[in-house]
Amino acid sequence: MAIQAAVRFIVEALSEPHVPLTTVLAQACAQSVHDAIAAEAATRELTPRDYACTLLGVISRRDSTLVFQIGDGAIVLDTGNGLEVAVEPMTGEYANMTNFVTQADHAKVLVARVYPAPALHVAAFSDGLQRLALNMSAGTAHAPFFRPFFDVLAAASLEQEDALQVQLAEFLKSKAVNERTDDDKSLALASWIGGDSLKTMAETPTSSEL
């Protein structure tokens, strides 16, 4: 629901020409997601807290890239200077807690950043992969984790992209990954391959697959 609301907002917002990618746009997107979830909760006589979720977003085009985040998980990207962590992974007031786009003060905890360049590679993932993908003490991206994904994605044909989804799912369910995390494991990857082309793959295992 959060993703669908974010996509609807972004498509509509960027339908007008020359709309800049700014922190104000990120705030408006988060508000749209918050309102959509609150409305759905109200129709079911529930509260937004019942739909609590984090929000990580990246919008990239030729002139700039906008990154925004509420909650844990992380976004790693390369805008021409190598892989870097866009936003320091967030935690809540106490250990094992985080912030959510569904909370009333979501606008206060949202962090947004604008890069003056397109994103050549992007990875967004949930907190279950942070220990594998990040050097937590240094707050940096663990490049050997990401490079194989981006190399394969860059070389894949359109016909091979479905197979990549399957392989990504198998990786996230593998013993090697599960031995290092017991949390949720969602991973989305994208590479800019020239012109207006974009290659992507994403996978979120079901609860039975974690």
N, C-alpha and C. Protein backbone atom coordinates (compact mmCIF):
# COMPACT_ATOMS: atom_id res chain seq x y z
N MET A 1 0.83 -1.20 0.00
CA MET A 1 0.00 0.00 0.00
C MET A 1 0.87 1.26 0.00
N ALA A 2 1.93 1.24 0.81
CA ALA A 2 2.84 2.40 0.86
C ALA A 2 3.51 2.62 -0.49
N ILE A 3 3.97 1.54 -1.10
CA ILE A 3 4.64 1.66 -2.40
C ILE A 3 3.68 2.18 -3.46
N GLN A 4 2.47 1.63 -3.48
CA GLN A 4 1.49 2.07 -4.48
C GLN A 4 1.17 3.55 -4.32
N ALA A 5 1.01 3.99 -3.07
CA ALA A 5 0.71 5.41 -2.82
C ALA A 5 1.87 6.30 -3.24
N ALA A 6 3.10 5.86 -2.96
CA ALA A 6 4.27 6.64 -3.33
C ALA A 6 4.40 6.75 -4.84
N VAL A 7 4.19 5.64 -5.54
CA VAL A 7 4.30 5.66 -7.00
C VAL A 7 3.23 6.56 -7.61
N ARG A 8 2.01 6.48 -7.11
CA ARG A 8 0.94 7.36 -7.62
C ARG A 8 1.32 8.82 -7.45
N PHE A 9 1.82 9.15 -6.28
CA PHE A 9 2.19 10.54 -6.02
C PHE A 9 3.31 11.00 -6.95
N ILE A 10 4.35 10.18 -7.09
CA ILE A 10 5.51 10.57 -7.89
C ILE A 10 5.14 10.72 -9.36
N VAL A 11 4.36 9.78 -9.88
CA VAL A 11 3.94 9.85 -11.28
C VAL A 11 3.16 11.14 -11.54
N GLU A 12 2.25 11.47 -10.63
CA GLU A 12 1.46 12.69 -10.81
C GLU A 12 2.32 13.94 -10.63
N ALA A 13 3.16 13.93 -9.61
CA ALA A 13 3.97 15.12 -9.33
C ALA A 13 4.95 15.43 -10.46
N LEU A 14 5.50 14.39 -11.06
CA LEU A 14 6.50 14.59 -12.11
C LEU A 14 5.90 14.63 -13.51
N SER A 15 4.56 14.61 -13.59
CA SER A 15 3.92 14.72 -14.90
C SER A 15 4.03 16.15 -15.44
N GLU A 16 4.22 17.10 -14.55
CA GLU A 16 4.44 18.49 -14.96
C GLU A 16 5.91 18.67 -15.33
N PRO A 17 6.22 19.46 -16.35
CA PRO A 17 7.62 19.64 -16.76
C PRO A 17 8.42 20.46 -15.75
N HIS A 18 9.70 20.15 -15.68
CA HIS A 18 10.66 20.94 -14.91
C HIS A 18 10.38 20.95 -13.40
N VAL A 19 9.77 19.90 -12.89
CA VAL A 19 9.57 19.81 -11.44
C VAL A 19 10.90 19.43 -10.79
N PRO A 20 11.44 20.25 -9.89
CA PRO A 20 12.74 19.93 -9.29
C PRO A 20 12.62 18.81 -8.26
N LEU A 21 13.68 18.04 -8.15
CA LEU A 21 13.73 17.01 -7.12
C LEU A 21 14.29 17.65 -5.85
N THR A 22 13.42 17.88 -4.89
CA THR A 22 13.79 18.61 -3.68
C THR A 22 13.31 17.86 -2.43
N THR A 23 13.79 18.30 -1.28
CA THR A 23 13.33 17.73 -0.02
C THR A 23 11.84 18.00 0.19
N VAL A 24 11.34 19.09 -0.35
CA VAL A 24 9.91 19.39 -0.24
C VAL A 24 9.10 18.32 -0.97
N LEU A 25 9.58 17.87 -2.12
CA LEU A 25 8.91 16.81 -2.85
C LEU A 25 8.92 15.52 -2.03
N ALA A 26 10.02 15.23 -1.38
CA ALA A 26 10.11 14.03 -0.53
C ALA A 26 9.11 14.11 0.62
N GLN A 27 9.00 15.27 1.24
CA GLN A 27 8.07 15.45 2.35
C GLN A 27 6.63 15.26 1.88
N ALA A 28 6.32 15.79 0.69
CA ALA A 28 4.97 15.67 0.15
C ALA A 28 4.65 14.22 -0.19
N CYS A 29 5.64 13.49 -0.69
CA CYS A 29 5.45 12.08 -1.01
C CYS A 29 5.17 11.29 0.26
N ALA A 30 5.96 11.52 1.30
CA ALA A 30 5.75 10.82 2.57
C ALA A 30 4.38 11.14 3.16
N GLN A 31 3.96 12.40 3.04
CA GLN A 31 2.64 12.78 3.54
C GLN A 31 1.54 12.06 2.78
N SER A 32 1.71 11.92 1.47
CA SER A 32 0.73 11.21 0.65
C SER A 32 0.61 9.76 1.07
N VAL A 33 1.76 9.12 1.33
CA VAL A 33 1.76 7.73 1.80
C VAL A 33 1.09 7.63 3.16
N HIS A 34 1.45 8.53 4.06
CA HIS A 34 0.85 8.54 5.40
C HIS A 34 -0.68 8.67 5.31
N ASP A 35 -1.15 9.60 4.49
CA ASP A 35 -2.59 9.84 4.37
C ASP A 35 -3.31 8.64 3.75
N ALA A 36 -2.69 8.00 2.77
CA ALA A 36 -3.32 6.84 2.12
C ALA A 36 -3.50 5.69 3.11
N ILE A 37 -2.49 5.46 3.92
CA ILE A 37 -2.58 4.38 4.90
C ILE A 37 -3.59 4.73 5.99
N ALA A 38 -3.60 5.98 6.43
CA ALA A 38 -4.55 6.41 7.45
C ALA A 38 -5.98 6.26 6.96
N ALA A 39 -6.21 6.59 5.69
CA ALA A 39 -7.55 6.46 5.13
C ALA A 39 -7.98 5.00 5.07
N GLU A 40 -7.09 4.11 4.66
CA GLU A 40 -7.41 2.69 4.61
C GLU A 40 -7.67 2.15 6.01
N ALA A 41 -6.87 2.57 6.97
CA ALA A 41 -7.07 2.12 8.35
C ALA A 41 -8.44 2.54 8.86
N ALA A 42 -8.84 3.76 8.54
CA ALA A 42 -10.13 4.27 9.02
C ALA A 42 -11.29 3.46 8.45
N THR A 43 -11.19 3.06 7.19
CA THR A 43 -12.28 2.29 6.59
C THR A 43 -12.41 0.91 7.23
N ARG A 44 -11.35 0.42 7.82
CA ARG A 44 -11.36 -0.90 8.47
C ARG A 44 -11.45 -0.81 9.99
N GLU A 45 -11.70 0.42 10.48
CA GLU A 45 -11.81 0.66 11.92
C GLU A 45 -10.55 0.20 12.65
N LEU A 46 -9.41 0.51 12.04
CA LEU A 46 -8.11 0.23 12.62
C LEU A 46 -7.36 1.55 12.76
N THR A 47 -6.13 1.49 13.23
CA THR A 47 -5.32 2.68 13.36
C THR A 47 -4.13 2.59 12.40
N PRO A 48 -3.53 3.72 12.02
CA PRO A 48 -2.34 3.65 11.17
C PRO A 48 -1.24 2.78 11.77
N ARG A 49 -1.16 2.72 13.09
CA ARG A 49 -0.14 1.90 13.75
C ARG A 49 -0.26 0.43 13.35
N ASP A 50 -1.48 0.00 13.05
CA ASP A 50 -1.69 -1.39 12.63
C ASP A 50 -1.04 -1.66 11.27
N TYR A 51 -0.71 -0.61 10.54
CA TYR A 51 -0.08 -0.74 9.21
C TYR A 51 1.36 -0.21 9.24
N ALA A 52 1.94 -0.16 10.41
CA ALA A 52 3.26 0.46 10.57
C ALA A 52 4.27 -0.07 9.56
N CYS A 53 4.96 0.83 8.86
CA CYS A 53 6.00 0.43 7.91
C CYS A 53 6.98 1.57 7.71
N THR A 54 8.17 1.20 7.30
CA THR A 54 9.18 2.19 6.96
C THR A 54 8.98 2.64 5.52
N LEU A 55 9.72 3.65 5.10
CA LEU A 55 9.62 4.15 3.72
C LEU A 55 10.99 4.57 3.23
N LEU A 56 11.44 3.95 2.16
CA LEU A 56 12.71 4.31 1.52
C LEU A 56 12.42 4.60 0.06
N GLY A 57 12.89 5.74 -0.43
CA GLY A 57 12.60 6.11 -1.81
C GLY A 57 13.78 6.73 -2.53
N VAL A 58 13.84 6.48 -3.84
CA VAL A 58 14.85 7.08 -4.70
C VAL A 58 14.18 7.50 -6.00
N ILE A 59 14.37 8.74 -6.38
CA ILE A 59 13.92 9.23 -7.68
C ILE A 59 15.17 9.77 -8.38
N SER A 60 15.46 9.24 -9.56
CA SER A 60 16.68 9.68 -10.25
C SER A 60 16.37 9.98 -11.71
N ARG A 61 16.98 11.03 -12.20
CA ARG A 61 16.89 11.38 -13.61
C ARG A 61 18.21 12.00 -14.04
N ARG A 62 18.29 12.49 -15.26
CA ARG A 62 19.58 12.93 -15.81
C ARG A 62 20.25 14.03 -14.99
N ASP A 63 19.46 14.92 -14.41
CA ASP A 63 20.05 16.10 -13.76
C ASP A 63 20.25 15.95 -12.26
N SER A 64 19.55 15.01 -11.62
CA SER A 64 19.65 14.92 -10.16
C SER A 64 19.02 13.63 -9.65
N THR A 65 19.28 13.37 -8.37
CA THR A 65 18.72 12.20 -7.69
C THR A 65 18.24 12.63 -6.31
N LEU A 66 17.03 12.23 -5.97
CA LEU A 66 16.46 12.51 -4.65
C LEU A 66 16.33 11.20 -3.88
N VAL A 67 16.86 11.20 -2.67
CA VAL A 67 16.79 10.04 -1.78
C VAL A 67 16.06 10.47 -0.51
N PHE A 68 15.12 9.64 -0.04
CA PHE A 68 14.45 9.97 1.21
C PHE A 68 14.15 8.70 1.99
N GLN A 69 14.09 8.83 3.31
CA GLN A 69 13.97 7.65 4.15
C GLN A 69 13.32 7.98 5.49
N ILE A 70 12.43 7.08 5.91
CA ILE A 70 11.88 7.10 7.26
C ILE A 70 12.04 5.69 7.81
N GLY A 71 12.83 5.55 8.87
CA GLY A 71 13.00 4.24 9.49
C GLY A 71 14.29 3.56 9.11
N ASP A 72 14.40 2.29 9.54
CA ASP A 72 15.64 1.55 9.31
C ASP A 72 15.68 0.97 7.90
N GLY A 73 16.68 0.09 7.66
CA GLY A 73 16.99 -0.27 6.30
C GLY A 73 17.97 0.77 5.76
N ALA A 74 18.33 0.64 4.49
CA ALA A 74 19.30 1.59 3.95
C ALA A 74 19.19 1.69 2.43
N ILE A 75 19.71 2.79 1.91
CA ILE A 75 19.82 3.01 0.47
C ILE A 75 21.30 3.23 0.16
N VAL A 76 21.82 2.42 -0.73
CA VAL A 76 23.19 2.55 -1.21
C VAL A 76 23.13 2.93 -2.68
N LEU A 77 23.92 3.91 -3.10
CA LEU A 77 23.88 4.32 -4.50
C LEU A 77 25.25 4.82 -4.94
N ASP A 78 25.38 4.90 -6.26
CA ASP A 78 26.60 5.40 -6.89
C ASP A 78 26.20 6.48 -7.88
N THR A 79 26.57 7.72 -7.60
CA THR A 79 26.28 8.83 -8.51
C THR A 79 27.54 9.28 -9.25
N GLY A 80 28.53 8.39 -9.30
CA GLY A 80 29.77 8.70 -10.00
C GLY A 80 30.99 8.72 -9.11
N ASN A 81 30.78 8.59 -7.81
CA ASN A 81 31.89 8.63 -6.86
C ASN A 81 32.03 7.32 -6.09
N GLY A 82 31.50 6.25 -6.63
CA GLY A 82 31.54 4.98 -5.94
C GLY A 82 30.33 4.78 -5.04
N LEU A 83 30.18 3.58 -4.51
CA LEU A 83 29.03 3.27 -3.67
C LEU A 83 29.12 4.00 -2.34
N GLU A 84 28.00 4.57 -1.93
CA GLU A 84 27.92 5.22 -0.63
C GLU A 84 26.54 5.03 -0.02
N VAL A 85 26.49 5.12 1.30
CA VAL A 85 25.22 5.04 2.02
C VAL A 85 24.59 6.42 2.01
N ALA A 86 23.40 6.52 1.43
CA ALA A 86 22.77 7.83 1.25
C ALA A 86 22.34 8.45 2.58
N VAL A 87 21.73 7.63 3.44
CA VAL A 87 21.22 8.12 4.72
C VAL A 87 21.68 7.15 5.80
N GLU A 88 22.19 7.67 6.89
CA GLU A 88 22.60 6.81 7.99
C GLU A 88 21.39 6.02 8.48
N PRO A 89 21.49 4.68 8.57
CA PRO A 89 20.35 3.87 9.01
C PRO A 89 19.78 4.37 10.33
N MET A 90 18.46 4.49 10.37
CA MET A 90 17.79 5.07 11.53
C MET A 90 17.34 4.01 12.50
N THR A 91 17.37 4.36 13.76
CA THR A 91 16.77 3.54 14.80
C THR A 91 15.87 4.43 15.63
N GLY A 92 15.03 3.80 16.43
CA GLY A 92 14.15 4.56 17.30
C GLY A 92 14.85 4.96 18.58
N GLU A 93 14.06 5.35 19.56
CA GLU A 93 14.61 5.81 20.83
C GLU A 93 15.31 4.68 21.57
N TYR A 94 14.84 3.44 21.37
CA TYR A 94 15.41 2.28 22.05
C TYR A 94 15.89 1.26 21.04
N ALA A 95 16.70 0.30 21.51
CA ALA A 95 17.21 -0.75 20.63
C ALA A 95 16.05 -1.54 20.02
N ASN A 96 16.26 -2.00 18.79
CA ASN A 96 15.26 -2.80 18.07
C ASN A 96 13.97 -2.04 17.81
N MET A 97 14.03 -0.72 17.83
CA MET A 97 12.88 0.11 17.48
C MET A 97 13.28 1.01 16.32
N THR A 98 12.28 1.48 15.59
CA THR A 98 12.57 2.37 14.47
C THR A 98 11.42 3.33 14.30
N ASN A 99 11.50 4.17 13.28
CA ASN A 99 10.42 5.11 12.96
C ASN A 99 9.63 4.60 11.77
N PHE A 100 8.39 5.08 11.66
CA PHE A 100 7.49 4.62 10.61
C PHE A 100 6.81 5.79 9.92
N VAL A 101 6.50 5.60 8.66
CA VAL A 101 5.79 6.64 7.90
C VAL A 101 4.36 6.80 8.42
N THR A 102 3.87 5.82 9.17
CA THR A 102 2.51 5.86 9.69
C THR A 102 2.39 6.68 10.97
N GLN A 103 3.50 7.05 11.59
CA GLN A 103 3.39 7.79 12.85
C GLN A 103 3.08 9.25 12.61
N ALA A 104 2.48 9.89 13.62
CA ALA A 104 1.99 11.26 13.46
C ALA A 104 3.11 12.24 13.14
N ASP A 105 4.30 12.03 13.70
CA ASP A 105 5.40 12.96 13.48
C ASP A 105 6.36 12.47 12.40
N HIS A 106 5.86 11.75 11.40
CA HIS A 106 6.72 11.18 10.36
C HIS A 106 7.53 12.25 9.64
N ALA A 107 6.96 13.45 9.50
CA ALA A 107 7.66 14.53 8.78
C ALA A 107 8.92 14.95 9.53
N LYS A 108 8.91 14.83 10.86
CA LYS A 108 10.07 15.25 11.65
C LYS A 108 11.23 14.27 11.55
N VAL A 109 10.90 13.00 11.30
CA VAL A 109 11.97 11.99 11.27
C VAL A 109 12.41 11.66 9.84
N LEU A 110 11.73 12.19 8.84
CA LEU A 110 12.13 11.96 7.46
C LEU A 110 13.47 12.64 7.18
N VAL A 111 14.36 11.92 6.51
CA VAL A 111 15.63 12.49 6.07
C VAL A 111 15.67 12.42 4.55
N ALA A 112 16.00 13.51 3.89
CA ALA A 112 16.07 13.56 2.43
C ALA A 112 17.39 14.18 2.00
N ARG A 113 17.86 13.74 0.85
CA ARG A 113 19.14 14.24 0.33
C ARG A 113 19.06 14.32 -1.19
N VAL A 114 19.61 15.37 -1.75
CA VAL A 114 19.59 15.57 -3.20
C VAL A 114 21.02 15.51 -3.73
N TYR A 115 21.23 14.70 -4.77
CA TYR A 115 22.52 14.62 -5.45
C TYR A 115 22.39 15.31 -6.82
N PRO A 116 23.38 16.09 -7.25
CA PRO A 116 23.29 16.80 -8.53
C PRO A 116 23.75 15.93 -9.71
N ALA A 117 23.32 14.67 -9.71
CA ALA A 117 23.74 13.74 -10.76
C ALA A 117 22.79 12.55 -10.77
N PRO A 118 22.73 11.84 -11.89
CA PRO A 118 21.90 10.62 -11.91
C PRO A 118 22.55 9.52 -11.09
N ALA A 119 21.74 8.60 -10.59
CA ALA A 119 22.25 7.43 -9.87
C ALA A 119 22.56 6.33 -10.87
N LEU A 120 23.82 5.93 -10.93
CA LEU A 120 24.23 4.87 -11.85
C LEU A 120 23.80 3.51 -11.33
N HIS A 121 23.85 3.34 -10.02
CA HIS A 121 23.43 2.10 -9.37
C HIS A 121 22.71 2.45 -8.08
N VAL A 122 21.66 1.69 -7.77
CA VAL A 122 20.91 1.90 -6.54
C VAL A 122 20.57 0.55 -5.93
N ALA A 123 20.70 0.46 -4.61
CA ALA A 123 20.20 -0.69 -3.86
C ALA A 123 19.46 -0.15 -2.65
N ALA A 124 18.24 -0.60 -2.45
CA ALA A 124 17.46 -0.25 -1.27
C ALA A 124 17.06 -1.56 -0.59
N PHE A 125 17.22 -1.62 0.73
CA PHE A 125 16.98 -2.89 1.39
C PHE A 125 16.51 -2.67 2.83
N SER A 126 15.83 -3.69 3.35
CA SER A 126 15.33 -3.64 4.72
C SER A 126 16.44 -3.95 5.70
N ASP A 127 16.15 -3.76 6.97
CA ASP A 127 17.19 -3.84 8.00
C ASP A 127 17.77 -5.23 8.17
N GLY A 128 17.07 -6.27 7.69
CA GLY A 128 17.59 -7.61 7.81
C GLY A 128 18.87 -7.84 7.02
N LEU A 129 19.16 -6.97 6.05
CA LEU A 129 20.37 -7.13 5.23
C LEU A 129 21.48 -6.16 5.62
N GLN A 130 21.24 -5.33 6.60
CA GLN A 130 22.23 -4.30 6.93
C GLN A 130 23.58 -4.90 7.33
N ARG A 131 23.57 -5.96 8.11
CA ARG A 131 24.83 -6.54 8.58
C ARG A 131 25.63 -7.15 7.43
N LEU A 132 24.95 -7.61 6.39
CA LEU A 132 25.64 -8.19 5.25
C LEU A 132 26.12 -7.11 4.29
N ALA A 133 25.33 -6.06 4.15
CA ALA A 133 25.57 -5.08 3.09
C ALA A 133 26.34 -3.85 3.53
N LEU A 134 26.43 -3.61 4.83
CA LEU A 134 27.08 -2.40 5.32
C LEU A 134 28.19 -2.73 6.30
N ASN A 135 29.18 -1.87 6.32
CA ASN A 135 30.17 -1.88 7.39
C ASN A 135 29.59 -1.00 8.48
N MET A 136 28.95 -1.62 9.47
CA MET A 136 28.15 -0.88 10.44
C MET A 136 28.99 0.08 11.26
N SER A 137 30.21 -0.31 11.62
CA SER A 137 31.04 0.56 12.46
C SER A 137 31.48 1.81 11.71
N ALA A 138 31.72 1.67 10.41
CA ALA A 138 32.19 2.81 9.61
C ALA A 138 31.04 3.53 8.91
N GLY A 139 29.87 2.89 8.85
CA GLY A 139 28.74 3.49 8.16
C GLY A 139 28.91 3.56 6.66
N THR A 140 29.63 2.57 6.10
CA THR A 140 29.90 2.57 4.66
C THR A 140 29.31 1.33 4.00
N ALA A 141 29.21 1.38 2.69
CA ALA A 141 28.70 0.24 1.93
C ALA A 141 29.78 -0.81 1.78
N HIS A 142 29.40 -2.08 1.87
CA HIS A 142 30.33 -3.19 1.67
C HIS A 142 30.29 -3.54 0.19
N ALA A 143 31.18 -2.96 -0.58
CA ALA A 143 31.14 -3.06 -2.04
C ALA A 143 31.11 -4.50 -2.55
N PRO A 144 31.86 -5.44 -1.96
CA PRO A 144 31.83 -6.82 -2.48
C PRO A 144 30.44 -7.46 -2.41
N PHE A 145 29.59 -6.97 -1.53
CA PHE A 145 28.22 -7.49 -1.47
C PHE A 145 27.42 -7.05 -2.69
N PHE A 146 27.61 -5.81 -3.12
CA PHE A 146 26.78 -5.24 -4.18
C PHE A 146 27.31 -5.48 -5.59
N ARG A 147 28.63 -5.50 -5.77
CA ARG A 147 29.18 -5.54 -7.11
C ARG A 147 28.68 -6.71 -7.95
N PRO A 148 28.60 -7.94 -7.41
CA PRO A 148 28.08 -9.04 -8.24
C PRO A 148 26.66 -8.79 -8.74
N PHE A 149 25.83 -8.19 -7.90
CA PHE A 149 24.45 -7.89 -8.32
C PHE A 149 24.46 -6.91 -9.50
N PHE A 150 25.20 -5.83 -9.36
CA PHE A 150 25.20 -4.81 -10.41
C PHE A 150 25.89 -5.30 -11.68
N ASP A 151 26.91 -6.13 -11.55
CA ASP A 151 27.59 -6.69 -12.73
C ASP A 151 26.64 -7.59 -13.51
N VAL A 152 25.92 -8.43 -12.80
CA VAL A 152 24.96 -9.34 -13.45
C VAL A 152 23.83 -8.56 -14.08
N LEU A 153 23.33 -7.56 -13.35
CA LEU A 153 22.22 -6.76 -13.85
C LEU A 153 22.61 -6.01 -15.12
N ALA A 154 23.82 -5.47 -15.14
CA ALA A 154 24.28 -4.72 -16.31
C ALA A 154 24.42 -5.60 -17.55
N ALA A 155 24.80 -6.87 -17.33
CA ALA A 155 25.04 -7.76 -18.46
C ALA A 155 23.79 -8.51 -18.91
N ALA A 156 22.72 -8.47 -18.14
CA ALA A 156 21.53 -9.27 -18.43
C ALA A 156 20.71 -8.68 -19.58
N SER A 157 20.16 -9.55 -20.38
CA SER A 157 19.22 -9.13 -21.42
C SER A 157 17.83 -9.02 -20.81
N LEU A 158 16.90 -8.43 -21.54
CA LEU A 158 15.53 -8.32 -21.05
C LEU A 158 14.93 -9.70 -20.80
N GLU A 159 15.31 -10.65 -21.64
CA GLU A 159 14.78 -12.01 -21.50
C GLU A 159 15.29 -12.68 -20.23
N GLN A 160 16.42 -12.24 -19.73
CA GLN A 160 17.03 -12.86 -18.55
C GLN A 160 16.57 -12.24 -17.23
N GLU A 161 15.84 -11.13 -17.30
CA GLU A 161 15.51 -10.42 -16.07
C GLU A 161 14.58 -11.22 -15.16
N ASP A 162 13.65 -11.99 -15.73
CA ASP A 162 12.77 -12.83 -14.89
C ASP A 162 13.59 -13.87 -14.14
N ALA A 163 14.59 -14.43 -14.81
CA ALA A 163 15.44 -15.42 -14.15
C ALA A 163 16.23 -14.78 -13.01
N LEU A 164 16.61 -13.51 -13.18
CA LEU A 164 17.33 -12.82 -12.13
C LEU A 164 16.49 -12.67 -10.87
N GLN A 165 15.19 -12.44 -11.07
CA GLN A 165 14.30 -12.34 -9.91
C GLN A 165 14.30 -13.63 -9.11
N VAL A 166 14.25 -14.75 -9.82
CA VAL A 166 14.26 -16.05 -9.17
C VAL A 166 15.57 -16.27 -8.43
N GLN A 167 16.67 -15.93 -9.07
CA GLN A 167 17.98 -16.10 -8.44
C GLN A 167 18.14 -15.22 -7.20
N LEU A 168 17.58 -14.01 -7.27
CA LEU A 168 17.65 -13.12 -6.12
C LEU A 168 16.86 -13.68 -4.95
N ALA A 169 15.69 -14.23 -5.25
CA ALA A 169 14.87 -14.85 -4.20
C ALA A 169 15.60 -16.02 -3.56
N GLU A 170 16.24 -16.83 -4.38
CA GLU A 170 16.98 -17.97 -3.85
C GLU A 170 18.14 -17.51 -2.96
N PHE A 171 18.81 -16.44 -3.37
CA PHE A 171 19.90 -15.91 -2.56
C PHE A 171 19.39 -15.46 -1.20
N LEU A 172 18.28 -14.73 -1.16
CA LEU A 172 17.76 -14.21 0.09
C LEU A 172 17.26 -15.32 1.01
N LYS A 173 16.90 -16.46 0.44
CA LYS A 173 16.43 -17.61 1.23
C LYS A 173 17.56 -18.57 1.58
N SER A 174 18.75 -18.30 1.11
CA SER A 174 19.85 -19.25 1.25
C SER A 174 20.32 -19.37 2.70
N LYS A 175 20.96 -20.49 3.00
CA LYS A 175 21.49 -20.74 4.34
C LYS A 175 22.54 -19.70 4.71
N ALA A 176 23.37 -19.32 3.74
CA ALA A 176 24.43 -18.35 4.01
C ALA A 176 23.87 -17.02 4.49
N VAL A 177 22.72 -16.60 3.94
CA VAL A 177 22.09 -15.35 4.36
C VAL A 177 21.35 -15.54 5.67
N ASN A 178 20.58 -16.62 5.77
CA ASN A 178 19.76 -16.83 6.96
C ASN A 178 20.59 -17.06 8.22
N GLU A 179 21.82 -17.54 8.05
CA GLU A 179 22.68 -17.73 9.22
C GLU A 179 23.17 -16.41 9.80
N ARG A 180 23.05 -15.35 9.01
CA ARG A 180 23.57 -14.05 9.46
C ARG A 180 22.47 -13.05 9.80
N THR A 181 21.21 -13.43 9.60
CA THR A 181 20.12 -12.52 9.94
C THR A 181 18.86 -13.32 10.22
N ASP A 182 18.05 -12.83 11.15
CA ASP A 182 16.76 -13.44 11.41
C ASP A 182 15.63 -12.43 11.22
N ASP A 183 15.96 -11.35 10.50
CA ASP A 183 14.99 -10.28 10.27
C ASP A 183 14.51 -10.32 8.82
N ASP A 184 13.58 -9.44 8.49
CA ASP A 184 13.04 -9.41 7.14
C ASP A 184 14.11 -9.01 6.13
N LYS A 185 13.98 -9.56 4.91
CA LYS A 185 15.02 -9.35 3.90
C LYS A 185 14.36 -8.95 2.58
N SER A 186 14.26 -7.66 2.37
CA SER A 186 13.78 -7.13 1.10
C SER A 186 14.93 -6.40 0.42
N LEU A 187 15.04 -6.57 -0.90
CA LEU A 187 16.14 -5.95 -1.63
C LEU A 187 15.66 -5.54 -3.02
N ALA A 188 15.86 -4.27 -3.35
CA ALA A 188 15.56 -3.76 -4.69
C ALA A 188 16.82 -3.17 -5.28
N LEU A 189 17.08 -3.48 -6.55
CA LEU A 189 18.30 -3.03 -7.23
C LEU A 189 17.94 -2.39 -8.56
N ALA A 190 18.69 -1.36 -8.93
CA ALA A 190 18.47 -0.72 -10.23
C ALA A 190 19.79 -0.19 -10.76
N SER A 191 19.94 -0.24 -12.08
CA SER A 191 21.13 0.30 -12.75
C SER A 191 20.71 1.13 -13.95
N TRP A 192 21.36 2.26 -14.12
CA TRP A 192 21.15 3.12 -15.28
C TRP A 192 22.11 2.63 -16.36
N ILE A 193 21.57 2.25 -17.52
CA ILE A 193 22.41 1.64 -18.55
C ILE A 193 22.58 2.51 -19.78
N GLY A 194 22.25 3.79 -19.66
CA GLY A 194 22.43 4.70 -20.80
C GLY A 194 21.11 5.07 -21.42
N GLY A 195 21.07 6.23 -22.03
CA GLY A 195 19.83 6.71 -22.61
C GLY A 195 18.80 6.88 -21.52
N ASP A 196 17.58 6.38 -21.78
CA ASP A 196 16.52 6.45 -20.78
C ASP A 196 16.25 5.07 -20.20
N SER A 197 17.17 4.14 -20.36
CA SER A 197 16.95 2.76 -19.96
C SER A 197 17.32 2.55 -18.50
N LEU A 198 16.56 1.70 -17.85
CA LEU A 198 16.79 1.36 -16.46
C LEU A 198 16.55 -0.13 -16.29
N LYS A 199 17.47 -0.81 -15.63
CA LYS A 199 17.28 -2.23 -15.31
C LYS A 199 17.04 -2.35 -13.81
N THR A 200 16.07 -3.17 -13.45
CA THR A 200 15.74 -3.32 -12.04
C THR A 200 15.48 -4.77 -11.70
N MET A 201 15.67 -5.09 -10.44
CA MET A 201 15.17 -6.35 -9.90
C MET A 201 14.94 -6.15 -8.42
N ALA A 202 13.92 -6.81 -7.90
CA ALA A 202 13.56 -6.65 -6.50
C ALA A 202 12.93 -7.93 -5.99
N GLU A 203 13.11 -8.17 -4.71
CA GLU A 203 12.52 -9.37 -4.12
C GLU A 203 12.26 -9.15 -2.65
N THR A 204 11.07 -9.54 -2.22
CA THR A 204 10.70 -9.57 -0.82
C THR A 204 10.15 -10.95 -0.52
N PRO A 205 10.90 -11.82 0.14
CA PRO A 205 10.39 -13.15 0.46
C PRO A 205 9.16 -13.07 1.34
N THR A 206 8.26 -14.03 1.20
CA THR A 206 7.11 -14.10 2.11
C THR A 206 7.60 -14.54 3.48
N SER A 207 6.73 -14.42 4.48
CA SER A 207 7.13 -14.76 5.85
C SER A 207 7.57 -16.21 5.96
N SER A 208 6.99 -17.08 5.15
CA SER A 208 7.35 -18.49 5.20
C SER A 208 8.72 -18.75 4.61
N GLU A 209 9.25 -17.77 3.86
CA GLU A 209 10.54 -17.93 3.21
C GLU A 209 11.68 -17.32 4.00
N LEU A 210 11.37 -16.57 5.05
CA LEU A 210 12.42 -15.84 5.78
C LEU A 210 13.29 -16.81 6.57
